Every structure is written in structure tokens, then in C-alpha cells.
């Protein structure tokens, strides 16, 4: 009689083979690839080429020569560049607060619900932004003329002598008026869009507490659109430092008031296309870009800081 032997104890199960790592999927790169290619072509490549140009200089003897940071040292000592930078800085400090203040007041008036013909008023304020900058500058420049424009007609009609907006003392204010007319509607739309998404529950709570309109604006509306205010301010700062169209068009009508180094961008343009100083022009453009980037970044940090 055979005796049944108990089955041998099963040994430890072998560890499963490590899962094969999936091959990296390139699907995401396929979607963003066209954007990356265009971004590199139209943004990164020009910056890299400008950096390359800024390290060289055309000389009468030897042709194009590598000079390292000499062009940057020249730019830091260039009085014409710093005068132009000071001029647009003054323009920024005066024009931007005025423009954003008007845009904010218009946006608050539209959002109040007490303005008759709100849709027509909103479109009317925004319409100047649709006018090309060159056309707007020409239109206002001819109105500024003392011999052929609106100012001249008023002088003749009322036998008075109004100040010449195209004089050296007033031309910067005249440019500020044009830029304000062009971009009030654009900034108004940014503020108005931000106001439209404020929860109605906040207004209902304020009404229950008996808050007046001024209190609603200061305690609810302005804090709610803080991000939009910061964005509009940054855009306006960048636009002020990039001021070019208006002075370049008006320079033909007021050559004594607007020189070729009136703004940094105009100075860069004149260096490159009139003076054939492409290398130094690239240097000035890079320095101006860095200054603009630093100031815009500081404004962003300050504006987004909580509790300020």
C-alpha cells in the first residue's frame, strides 16, 4: 500500500519581470511643434541675430570686427540715447496715468448701469483704437497746424493766437494727446470686461449693508479688477517705451521739434536706416529692451503683491 506524500511546499514566487517602460510619446510635441517653430523663427532668431550684431562693429580699416562689449559701453555713455529715454520716461509718467484714469472712469460709468445709450457710448469710445496709428497721427497733426489746420482756423476766425502744439515745448504733450485718444478705448474694454465678471453676490451683500456707490467702487470693484489694472499698466509702459509711429510721422511736420533721436526707438531706426550703423543700432535696441523688461517686471511684482 503506497503512502501519499504531501506535496512539496511551494517556493517563493519569482518576482514579475519589470514592466517595460513605454516609449516616450511625441504626440504633445506634434501639437506644439508648429508654434515652437514659428516662435523660434520670429522671436528667438531675431534676438539671437541682434545679439550677434551687437558684438561687432564696421570699421573703415578691417571691415567688420569683433569688439565684444564695446558697443554696450558706448551706449551707456551715449547722451542722445539717455535724453531719448528720459523723454519717454516723462511721457510715461504723465500720459499713462491720465489715459488709464480716463479709461477706468469710462469703464465704471458703463458698468454702473445708469448710463443712457451704454452700447453706443462703449462703441464710440473704443472706435479710435480701430484707426491705424499712422492715420490717427496724420489726422491730429493736420488739426494741430497753425497755418493749415484747426488751430490756424481758430486763430483766423476769432483773431486770437493759440499756442502751437507742434512747437518744441508742446509737441510731447501733443503726442500724448494722440496716444491717449487712440488707447483709452482699448484699456476701457480691458477694465469693463473685468468688471462684468464680478459676482453679483458681492453687490447684493454691499446693498444689504447699505454701502454707497463710492464704497462699492473702492471695496469691491477696484480690488476685483486689480489684475486687469496691472496688465493694462504693463502694456502701457511697454507701449510708451516703444513710442515710434507718432513722432516719426509728425517729424515731417515739425522737424525743429522732433529730432531723429526723439525717442529710443526712433533713434534706433535712424541709426540703422539713415546712419548705416547696424551694429550699434542693435546694441541700443537690446539695452532698451532690457530696461523695458526690468521696469515691467518690477511693476508686475509690485502690482500682484497681496496686501498692497
Foldseek 3Di string as FASTA:
>chain_A
DDDDDDDDDDDDDDDDDDDDDDDDDCPVCVVCVVVVVVCCVPPVVVLVVLVVLQQWFADPPPGIDGNGCPLVVVLVVDPLQVQQVVLLVVLLVPLVVVLLVLLLVLLLVLVVPPDPPSVVVLCVQQVLLVDDLLVLLVVLLQQLDLCRHVVVVVCVVVVHHDDRCLDQVRVSVSVSVSVSSNCSSVLSVLLNVQQVPFDVVVVVVCVVVVHDPVCCCVPGSCVSCLVSVLVSSLVSLVCSLQDDSNLVSCCVVRVVNRDCSNHLNSVLVCCVPVVVGSNSSSSSVVVSVVVSVVVSVVSVVVSPDPPD
